[in-house]
Amino acid sequence: MRAEGVTTLEIKSGYGLTLPDERKQLQVARALGEECRVNVVTTFLGAHAIPPGREAEEYTDEVCNVMIPTIAAEGLAEAVDVCSRRHVPTGWR
């Protein structure tokens, strides 16, 4: 990518659906940027899907009150992304 002129890219988490997995994805994204010598902007997308076996309200509470504050305190993401209402899974409507 660098050879093609790419200097900055955004990498989103959101596929781990647990705090440890989301943290790992964001840490790997940062390491990738250092290794490839490109500017990586990390975005936390924890509210991407409801994990199997979890209720929407419970998981939303965890994302808002545990995951986002932890990721912010650790400086792992520059941004937070959330699904728009039109694209939110049925259980979250």
PDB file of N, CA and C in Angstrom:
ATOM      1  N   MET A   1       0.820  -1.185   0.000  1.00  0.00           N
ATOM      2  CA  MET A   1       0.000   0.000   0.000  1.00  0.00           C
ATOM      3  C   MET A   1       0.867   1.253   0.000  1.00  0.00           C
ATOM      4  N   ARG A   2       1.903   1.208   0.787  1.00  0.00           N
ATOM      5  CA  ARG A   2       2.797   2.371   0.864  1.00  0.00           C
ATOM      6  C   ARG A   2       3.411   2.652  -0.508  1.00  0.00           C
ATOM      7  N   ALA A   3       3.783   1.608  -1.218  1.00  0.00           N
ATOM      8  CA  ALA A   3       4.380   1.773  -2.543  1.00  0.00           C
ATOM      9  C   ALA A   3       3.408   2.425  -3.523  1.00  0.00           C
ATOM     10  N   GLU A   4       2.120   2.296  -3.255  1.00  0.00           N
ATOM     11  CA  GLU A   4       1.098   2.902  -4.113  1.00  0.00           C
ATOM     12  C   GLU A   4       0.741   4.314  -3.667  1.00  0.00           C
ATOM     13  N   GLY A   5       1.398   4.803  -2.607  1.00  0.00           N
ATOM     14  CA  GLY A   5       1.173   6.169  -2.159  1.00  0.00           C
ATOM     15  C   GLY A   5       0.238   6.331  -0.974  1.00  0.00           C
ATOM     16  N   VAL A   6      -0.228   5.225  -0.415  1.00  0.00           N
ATOM     17  CA  VAL A   6      -1.120   5.314   0.742  1.00  0.00           C
ATOM     18  C   VAL A   6      -0.306   5.732   1.954  1.00  0.00           C
ATOM     19  N   THR A   7      -0.734   6.788   2.627  1.00  0.00           N
ATOM     20  CA  THR A   7      -0.030   7.259   3.823  1.00  0.00           C
ATOM     21  C   THR A   7      -0.873   7.121   5.079  1.00  0.00           C
ATOM     22  N   THR A   8      -2.195   7.051   4.928  1.00  0.00           N
ATOM     23  CA  THR A   8      -3.091   6.969   6.078  1.00  0.00           C
ATOM     24  C   THR A   8      -4.234   6.018   5.762  1.00  0.00           C
ATOM     25  N   LEU A   9      -4.607   5.208   6.747  1.00  0.00           N
ATOM     26  CA  LEU A   9      -5.774   4.364   6.590  1.00  0.00           C
ATOM     27  C   LEU A   9      -6.491   4.212   7.919  1.00  0.00           C
ATOM     28  N   GLU A  10      -7.775   3.929   7.832  1.00  0.00           N
ATOM     29  CA  GLU A  10      -8.579   3.699   9.025  1.00  0.00           C
ATOM     30  C   GLU A  10      -8.784   2.204   9.188  1.00  0.00           C
ATOM     31  N   ILE A  11      -8.594   1.734  10.408  1.00  0.00           N
ATOM     32  CA  ILE A  11      -8.878   0.340  10.728  1.00  0.00           C
ATOM     33  C   ILE A  11      -9.893   0.336  11.859  1.00  0.00           C
ATOM     34  N   LYS A  12     -10.983  -0.394  11.649  1.00  0.00           N
ATOM     35  CA  LYS A  12     -12.039  -0.480  12.654  1.00  0.00           C
ATOM     36  C   LYS A  12     -12.007  -1.842  13.340  1.00  0.00           C
ATOM     37  N   SER A  13     -12.315  -1.819  14.622  1.00  0.00           N
ATOM     38  CA  SER A  13     -12.566  -3.068  15.327  1.00  0.00           C
ATOM     39  C   SER A  13     -14.046  -3.384  15.113  1.00  0.00           C
ATOM     40  N   GLY A  14     -14.602  -4.263  15.916  1.00  0.00           N
ATOM     41  CA  GLY A  14     -16.033  -4.502  15.829  1.00  0.00           C
ATOM     42  C   GLY A  14     -16.407  -5.939  15.560  1.00  0.00           C
ATOM     43  N   TYR A  15     -15.425  -6.788  15.381  1.00  0.00           N
ATOM     44  CA  TYR A  15     -15.736  -8.178  15.079  1.00  0.00           C
ATOM     45  C   TYR A  15     -15.421  -9.105  16.244  1.00  0.00           C
ATOM     46  N   GLY A  16     -14.858  -8.555  17.326  1.00  0.00           N
ATOM     47  CA  GLY A  16     -14.537  -9.361  18.494  1.00  0.00           C
ATOM     48  C   GLY A  16     -15.720  -9.510  19.430  1.00  0.00           C
ATOM     49  N   LEU A  17     -16.452  -8.415  19.613  1.00  0.00           N
ATOM     50  CA  LEU A  17     -17.661  -8.361  20.427  1.00  0.00           C
ATOM     51  C   LEU A  17     -17.434  -8.613  21.913  1.00  0.00           C
ATOM     52  N   THR A  18     -16.180  -8.667  22.347  1.00  0.00           N
ATOM     53  CA  THR A  18     -15.836  -8.694  23.769  1.00  0.00           C
ATOM     54  C   THR A  18     -14.734  -7.670  23.968  1.00  0.00           C
ATOM     55  N   LEU A  19     -14.605  -7.153  25.178  1.00  0.00           N
ATOM     56  CA  LEU A  19     -13.572  -6.151  25.426  1.00  0.00           C
ATOM     57  C   LEU A  19     -12.177  -6.680  25.111  1.00  0.00           C
ATOM     58  N   PRO A  20     -11.798  -7.877  25.568  1.00  0.00           N
ATOM     59  CA  PRO A  20     -10.446  -8.358  25.236  1.00  0.00           C
ATOM     60  C   PRO A  20     -10.204  -8.469  23.729  1.00  0.00           C
ATOM     61  N   ASP A  21     -11.194  -8.952  22.996  1.00  0.00           N
ATOM     62  CA  ASP A  21     -11.019  -9.105  21.548  1.00  0.00           C
ATOM     63  C   ASP A  21     -10.990  -7.758  20.829  1.00  0.00           C
ATOM     64  N   GLU A  22     -11.822  -6.819  21.259  1.00  0.00           N
ATOM     65  CA  GLU A  22     -11.814  -5.488  20.658  1.00  0.00           C
ATOM     66  C   GLU A  22     -10.479  -4.792  20.931  1.00  0.00           C
ATOM     67  N   ARG A  23      -9.983  -4.909  22.155  1.00  0.00           N
ATOM     68  CA  ARG A  23      -8.686  -4.315  22.502  1.00  0.00           C
ATOM     69  C   ARG A  23      -7.587  -4.922  21.633  1.00  0.00           C
ATOM     70  N   LYS A  24      -7.612  -6.226  21.471  1.00  0.00           N
ATOM     71  CA  LYS A  24      -6.590  -6.913  20.672  1.00  0.00           C
ATOM     72  C   LYS A  24      -6.612  -6.405  19.226  1.00  0.00           C
ATOM     73  N   GLN A  25      -7.793  -6.271  18.654  1.00  0.00           N
ATOM     74  CA  GLN A  25      -7.897  -5.781  17.278  1.00  0.00           C
ATOM     75  C   GLN A  25      -7.305  -4.383  17.140  1.00  0.00           C
ATOM     76  N   LEU A  26      -7.604  -3.519  18.092  1.00  0.00           N
ATOM     77  CA  LEU A  26      -7.086  -2.148  18.032  1.00  0.00           C
ATOM     78  C   LEU A  26      -5.578  -2.110  18.260  1.00  0.00           C
ATOM     79  N   GLN A  27      -5.074  -2.957  19.140  1.00  0.00           N
ATOM     80  CA  GLN A  27      -3.625  -3.035  19.370  1.00  0.00           C
ATOM     81  C   GLN A  27      -2.906  -3.540  18.122  1.00  0.00           C
ATOM     82  N   VAL A  28      -3.473  -4.544  17.473  1.00  0.00           N
ATOM     83  CA  VAL A  28      -2.874  -5.078  16.243  1.00  0.00           C
ATOM     84  C   VAL A  28      -2.900  -4.017  15.144  1.00  0.00           C
ATOM     85  N   ALA A  29      -3.978  -3.263  15.061  1.00  0.00           N
ATOM     86  CA  ALA A  29      -4.067  -2.191  14.059  1.00  0.00           C
ATOM     87  C   ALA A  29      -2.954  -1.173  14.263  1.00  0.00           C
ATOM     88  N   ARG A  30      -2.727  -0.790  15.506  1.00  0.00           N
ATOM     89  CA  ARG A  30      -1.644   0.156  15.806  1.00  0.00           C
ATOM     90  C   ARG A  30      -0.288  -0.436  15.421  1.00  0.00           C
ATOM     91  N   ALA A  31      -0.064  -1.685  15.785  1.00  0.00           N
ATOM     92  CA  ALA A  31       1.210  -2.335  15.472  1.00  0.00           C
ATOM     93  C   ALA A  31       1.413  -2.437  13.964  1.00  0.00           C
ATOM     94  N   LEU A  32       0.351  -2.703  13.239  1.00  0.00           N
ATOM     95  CA  LEU A  32       0.430  -2.784  11.781  1.00  0.00           C
ATOM     96  C   LEU A  32       0.880  -1.457  11.192  1.00  0.00           C
ATOM     97  N   GLY A  33       0.337  -0.379  11.714  1.00  0.00           N
ATOM     98  CA  GLY A  33       0.738   0.943  11.239  1.00  0.00           C
ATOM     99  C   GLY A  33       2.210   1.206  11.460  1.00  0.00           C
ATOM    100  N   GLU A  34       2.704   0.807  12.629  1.00  0.00           N
ATOM    101  CA  GLU A  34       4.128   0.996  12.922  1.00  0.00           C
ATOM    102  C   GLU A  34       4.991   0.132  12.007  1.00  0.00           C
ATOM    103  N   GLU A  35       4.576  -1.115  11.827  1.00  0.00           N
ATOM    104  CA  GLU A  35       5.358  -2.036  11.000  1.00  0.00           C
ATOM    105  C   GLU A  35       5.375  -1.616   9.534  1.00  0.00           C
ATOM    106  N   CYS A  36       4.250  -1.135   9.042  1.00  0.00           N
ATOM    107  CA  CYS A  36       4.142  -0.759   7.626  1.00  0.00           C
ATOM    108  C   CYS A  36       4.475   0.706   7.375  1.00  0.00           C
ATOM    109  N   ARG A  37       4.751   1.435   8.425  1.00  0.00           N
ATOM    110  CA  ARG A  37       5.095   2.851   8.346  1.00  0.00           C
ATOM    111  C   ARG A  37       4.033   3.678   7.625  1.00  0.00           C
ATOM    112  N   VAL A  38       2.783   3.432   8.016  1.00  0.00           N
ATOM    113  CA  VAL A  38       1.679   4.266   7.552  1.00  0.00           C
ATOM    114  C   VAL A  38       0.940   4.785   8.781  1.00  0.00           C
ATOM    115  N   ASN A  39       0.250   5.893   8.618  1.00  0.00           N
ATOM    116  CA  ASN A  39      -0.552   6.442   9.702  1.00  0.00           C
ATOM    117  C   ASN A  39      -1.852   5.650   9.783  1.00  0.00           C
ATOM    118  N   VAL A  40      -2.086   4.979  10.910  1.00  0.00           N
ATOM    119  CA  VAL A  40      -3.311   4.214  11.103  1.00  0.00           C
ATOM    120  C   VAL A  40      -4.203   4.956  12.091  1.00  0.00           C
ATOM    121  N   VAL A  41      -5.409   5.257  11.657  1.00  0.00           N
ATOM    122  CA  VAL A  41      -6.422   5.851  12.520  1.00  0.00           C
ATOM    123  C   VAL A  41      -7.323   4.703  12.959  1.00  0.00           C
ATOM    124  N   THR A  42      -7.383   4.469  14.269  1.00  0.00           N
ATOM    125  CA  THR A  42      -8.182   3.352  14.768  1.00  0.00           C
ATOM    126  C   THR A  42      -9.555   3.839  15.214  1.00  0.00           C
ATOM    127  N   THR A  43     -10.565   3.041  14.876  1.00  0.00           N
ATOM    128  CA  THR A  43     -11.945   3.343  15.236  1.00  0.00           C
ATOM    129  C   THR A  43     -12.550   2.140  15.948  1.00  0.00           C
ATOM    130  N   PHE A  44     -13.151   2.391  17.106  1.00  0.00           N
ATOM    131  CA  PHE A  44     -13.839   1.345  17.860  1.00  0.00           C
ATOM    132  C   PHE A  44     -15.260   1.224  17.335  1.00  0.00           C
ATOM    133  N   LEU A  45     -15.612   0.042  16.848  1.00  0.00           N
ATOM    134  CA  LEU A  45     -16.954  -0.219  16.325  1.00  0.00           C
ATOM    135  C   LEU A  45     -17.571  -1.379  17.105  1.00  0.00           C
ATOM    136  N   GLY A  46     -17.616  -1.221  18.417  1.00  0.00           N
ATOM    137  CA  GLY A  46     -18.115  -2.286  19.282  1.00  0.00           C
ATOM    138  C   GLY A  46     -19.599  -2.548  19.142  1.00  0.00           C
ATOM    139  N   ALA A  47     -20.361  -1.551  18.726  1.00  0.00           N
ATOM    140  CA  ALA A  47     -21.807  -1.716  18.582  1.00  0.00           C
ATOM    141  C   ALA A  47     -22.158  -2.125  17.158  1.00  0.00           C
ATOM    142  N   HIS A  48     -21.390  -3.032  16.626  1.00  0.00           N
ATOM    143  CA  HIS A  48     -21.544  -3.488  15.250  1.00  0.00           C
ATOM    144  C   HIS A  48     -22.560  -4.623  15.145  1.00  0.00           C
ATOM    145  N   ALA A  49     -22.633  -5.462  16.174  1.00  0.00           N
ATOM    146  CA  ALA A  49     -23.565  -6.590  16.185  1.00  0.00           C
ATOM    147  C   ALA A  49     -23.793  -7.016  17.625  1.00  0.00           C
ATOM    148  N   ILE A  50     -24.879  -7.718  17.862  1.00  0.00           N
ATOM    149  CA  ILE A  50     -25.148  -8.263  19.190  1.00  0.00           C
ATOM    150  C   ILE A  50     -24.534  -9.656  19.245  1.00  0.00           C
ATOM    151  N   PRO A  51     -23.675  -9.915  20.234  1.00  0.00           N
ATOM    152  CA  PRO A  51     -23.070 -11.242  20.324  1.00  0.00           C
ATOM    153  C   PRO A  51     -24.129 -12.324  20.567  1.00  0.00           C
ATOM    154  N   PRO A  52     -23.912 -13.509  20.046  1.00  0.00           N
ATOM    155  CA  PRO A  52     -24.844 -14.612  20.288  1.00  0.00           C
ATOM    156  C   PRO A  52     -25.034 -14.831  21.792  1.00  0.00           C
ATOM    157  N   GLY A  53     -26.279 -15.036  22.172  1.00  0.00           N
ATOM    158  CA  GLY A  53     -26.581 -15.308  23.569  1.00  0.00           C
ATOM    159  C   GLY A  53     -26.687 -14.080  24.455  1.00  0.00           C
ATOM    160  N   ARG A  54     -26.521 -12.880  23.891  1.00  0.00           N
ATOM    161  CA  ARG A  54     -26.598 -11.643  24.673  1.00  0.00           C
ATOM    162  C   ARG A  54     -27.855 -10.884  24.291  1.00  0.00           C
ATOM    163  N   GLU A  55     -28.404 -10.164  25.249  1.00  0.00           N
ATOM    164  CA  GLU A  55     -29.549  -9.293  25.005  1.00  0.00           C
ATOM    165  C   GLU A  55     -29.041  -7.933  24.537  1.00  0.00           C
ATOM    166  N   ALA A  56     -29.782  -7.286  23.658  1.00  0.00           N
ATOM    167  CA  ALA A  56     -29.356  -6.004  23.088  1.00  0.00           C
ATOM    168  C   ALA A  56     -29.113  -4.955  24.163  1.00  0.00           C
ATOM    169  N   GLU A  57     -30.032  -4.821  25.105  1.00  0.00           N
ATOM    170  CA  GLU A  57     -29.896  -3.789  26.135  1.00  0.00           C
ATOM    171  C   GLU A  57     -28.666  -4.031  27.015  1.00  0.00           C
ATOM    172  N   GLU A  58     -28.448  -5.273  27.392  1.00  0.00           N
ATOM    173  CA  GLU A  58     -27.292  -5.628  28.222  1.00  0.00           C
ATOM    174  C   GLU A  58     -25.982  -5.335  27.489  1.00  0.00           C
ATOM    175  N   TYR A  59     -25.918  -5.725  26.224  1.00  0.00           N
ATOM    176  CA  TYR A  59     -24.688  -5.516  25.462  1.00  0.00           C
ATOM    177  C   TYR A  59     -24.449  -4.030  25.197  1.00  0.00           C
ATOM    178  N   THR A  60     -25.512  -3.292  24.892  1.00  0.00           N
ATOM    179  CA  THR A  60     -25.381  -1.853  24.684  1.00  0.00           C
ATOM    180  C   THR A  60     -24.835  -1.180  25.932  1.00  0.00           C
ATOM    181  N   ASP A  61     -25.333  -1.591  27.091  1.00  0.00           N
ATOM    182  CA  ASP A  61     -24.841  -1.058  28.361  1.00  0.00           C
ATOM    183  C   ASP A  61     -23.349  -1.345  28.524  1.00  0.00           C
ATOM    184  N   GLU A  62     -22.930  -2.556  28.187  1.00  0.00           N
ATOM    185  CA  GLU A  62     -21.507  -2.906  28.296  1.00  0.00           C
ATOM    186  C   GLU A  62     -20.653  -2.072  27.338  1.00  0.00           C
ATOM    187  N   VAL A  63     -21.121  -1.904  26.115  1.00  0.00           N
ATOM    188  CA  VAL A  63     -20.375  -1.095  25.147  1.00  0.00           C
ATOM    189  C   VAL A  63     -20.215   0.334  25.660  1.00  0.00           C
ATOM    190  N   CYS A  64     -21.313   0.916  26.130  1.00  0.00           N
ATOM    191  CA  CYS A  64     -21.295   2.326  26.554  1.00  0.00           C
ATOM    192  C   CYS A  64     -20.580   2.559  27.874  1.00  0.00           C
ATOM    193  N   ASN A  65     -20.746   1.653  28.818  1.00  0.00           N
ATOM    194  CA  ASN A  65     -20.254   1.897  30.171  1.00  0.00           C
ATOM    195  C   ASN A  65     -18.973   1.169  30.538  1.00  0.00           C
ATOM    196  N   VAL A  66     -18.566   0.215  29.720  1.00  0.00           N
ATOM    197  CA  VAL A  66     -17.328  -0.523  30.010  1.00  0.00           C
ATOM    198  C   VAL A  66     -16.333  -0.400  28.855  1.00  0.00           C
ATOM    199  N   MET A  67     -16.765  -0.820  27.672  1.00  0.00           N
ATOM    200  CA  MET A  67     -15.833  -0.878  26.541  1.00  0.00           C
ATOM    201  C   MET A  67     -15.319   0.502  26.126  1.00  0.00           C
ATOM    202  N   ILE A  68     -16.222   1.427  25.845  1.00  0.00           N
ATOM    203  CA  ILE A  68     -15.783   2.748  25.379  1.00  0.00           C
ATOM    204  C   ILE A  68     -14.893   3.440  26.406  1.00  0.00           C
ATOM    205  N   PRO A  69     -15.275   3.484  27.694  1.00  0.00           N
ATOM    206  CA  PRO A  69     -14.384   4.130  28.665  1.00  0.00           C
ATOM    207  C   PRO A  69     -13.012   3.458  28.773  1.00  0.00           C
ATOM    208  N   THR A  70     -12.974   2.138  28.695  1.00  0.00           N
ATOM    209  CA  THR A  70     -11.696   1.424  28.786  1.00  0.00           C
ATOM    210  C   THR A  70     -10.821   1.725  27.579  1.00  0.00           C
ATOM    211  N   ILE A  71     -11.392   1.639  26.400  1.00  0.00           N
ATOM    212  CA  ILE A  71     -10.630   1.892  25.176  1.00  0.00           C
ATOM    213  C   ILE A  71     -10.161   3.340  25.125  1.00  0.00           C
ATOM    214  N   ALA A  72     -10.998   4.260  25.582  1.00  0.00           N
ATOM    215  CA  ALA A  72     -10.596   5.674  25.629  1.00  0.00           C
ATOM    216  C   ALA A  72      -9.458   5.880  26.625  1.00  0.00           C
ATOM    217  N   ALA A  73      -9.573   5.288  27.798  1.00  0.00           N
ATOM    218  CA  ALA A  73      -8.538   5.443  28.828  1.00  0.00           C
ATOM    219  C   ALA A  73      -7.201   4.877  28.373  1.00  0.00           C
ATOM    220  N   GLU A  74      -7.242   3.827  27.578  1.00  0.00           N
ATOM    221  CA  GLU A  74      -6.019   3.199  27.077  1.00  0.00           C
ATOM    222  C   GLU A  74      -5.523   3.849  25.789  1.00  0.00           C
ATOM    223  N   GLY A  75      -6.270   4.804  25.256  1.00  0.00           N
ATOM    224  CA  GLY A  75      -5.857   5.502  24.045  1.00  0.00           C
ATOM    225  C   GLY A  75      -5.776   4.614  22.820  1.00  0.00           C
ATOM    226  N   LEU A  76      -6.647   3.621  22.741  1.00  0.00           N
ATOM    227  CA  LEU A  76      -6.577   2.657  21.641  1.00  0.00           C
ATOM    228  C   LEU A  76      -7.333   3.080  20.385  1.00  0.00           C
ATOM    229  N   ALA A  77      -8.210   4.079  20.492  1.00  0.00           N
ATOM    230  CA  ALA A  77      -8.990   4.491  19.320  1.00  0.00           C
ATOM    231  C   ALA A  77      -9.131   6.003  19.280  1.00  0.00           C
ATOM    232  N   GLU A  78      -9.062   6.536  18.078  1.00  0.00           N
ATOM    233  CA  GLU A  78      -9.274   7.969  17.876  1.00  0.00           C
ATOM    234  C   GLU A  78     -10.751   8.291  17.705  1.00  0.00           C
ATOM    235  N   ALA A  79     -11.541   7.288  17.355  1.00  0.00           N
ATOM    236  CA  ALA A  79     -12.954   7.523  17.071  1.00  0.00           C
ATOM    237  C   ALA A  79     -13.787   6.327  17.514  1.00  0.00           C
ATOM    238  N   VAL A  80     -15.078   6.574  17.643  1.00  0.00           N
ATOM    239  CA  VAL A  80     -16.053   5.522  17.929  1.00  0.00           C
ATOM    240  C   VAL A  80     -17.083   5.572  16.815  1.00  0.00           C
ATOM    241  N   ASP A  81     -17.426   4.430  16.275  1.00  0.00           N
ATOM    242  CA  ASP A  81     -18.422   4.338  15.216  1.00  0.00           C
ATOM    243  C   ASP A  81     -19.570   3.484  15.739  1.00  0.00           C
ATOM    244  N   VAL A  82     -20.788   3.858  15.372  1.00  0.00           N
ATOM    245  CA  VAL A  82     -21.977   3.129  15.787  1.00  0.00           C
ATOM    246  C   VAL A  82     -22.861   2.973  14.563  1.00  0.00           C
ATOM    247  N   CYS A  83     -23.571   1.874  14.469  1.00  0.00           N
ATOM    248  CA  CYS A  83     -24.499   1.672  13.355  1.00  0.00           C
ATOM    249  C   CYS A  83     -25.591   2.725  13.401  1.00  0.00           C
ATOM    250  N   SER A  84     -26.000   3.198  12.229  1.00  0.00           N
ATOM    251  CA  SER A  84     -27.143   4.118  12.191  1.00  0.00           C
ATOM    252  C   SER A  84     -28.418   3.322  12.422  1.00  0.00           C
ATOM    253  N   ARG A  85     -29.457   3.997  12.837  1.00  0.00           N
ATOM    254  CA  ARG A  85     -30.715   3.314  13.152  1.00  0.00           C
ATOM    255  C   ARG A  85     -31.201   2.445  11.987  1.00  0.00           C
ATOM    256  N   ARG A  86     -31.037   2.908  10.791  1.00  0.00           N
ATOM    257  CA  ARG A  86     -31.498   2.158   9.624  1.00  0.00           C
ATOM    258  C   ARG A  86     -30.771   0.828   9.478  1.00  0.00           C
ATOM    259  N   HIS A  87     -29.533   0.768   9.961  1.00  0.00           N
ATOM    260  CA  HIS A  87     -28.735  -0.438   9.783  1.00  0.00           C
ATOM    261  C   HIS A  87     -28.573  -1.247  11.064  1.00  0.00           C
ATOM    262  N   VAL A  88     -29.229  -0.824  12.126  1.00  0.00           N
ATOM    263  CA  VAL A  88     -29.095  -1.505  13.411  1.00  0.00           C
ATOM    264  C   VAL A  88     -29.813  -2.846  13.354  1.00  0.00           C
ATOM    265  N   PRO A  89     -29.206  -3.892  13.936  1.00  0.00           N
ATOM    266  CA  PRO A  89     -29.889  -5.190  13.973  1.00  0.00           C
ATOM    267  C   PRO A  89     -31.268  -5.067  14.632  1.00  0.00           C
ATOM    268  N   THR A  90     -32.200  -5.886  14.206  1.00  0.00           N
ATOM    269  CA  THR A  90     -33.581  -5.818  14.667  1.00  0.00           C
ATOM    270  C   THR A  90     -33.693  -5.775  16.184  1.00  0.00           C
ATOM    271  N   GLY A  91     -32.883  -6.523  16.895  1.00  0.00           N
ATOM    272  CA  GLY A  91     -32.951  -6.571  18.353  1.00  0.00           C
ATOM    273  C   GLY A  91     -32.650  -5.252  19.026  1.00  0.00           C
ATOM    274  N   TRP A  92     -32.021  -4.314  18.330  1.00  0.00           N
ATOM    275  CA  TRP A  92     -31.655  -3.020  18.917  1.00  0.00           C
ATOM    276  C   TRP A  92     -32.665  -1.929  18.616  1.00  0.00           C
ATOM    277  N   ARG A  93     -33.679  -2.199  17.854  1.00  0.00           N
ATOM    278  CA  ARG A  93     -34.636  -1.150  17.466  1.00  0.00           C
ATOM    279  C   ARG A  93     -35.656  -0.915  18.535  1.00  0.00           C
TER     280      ARG A  93
END
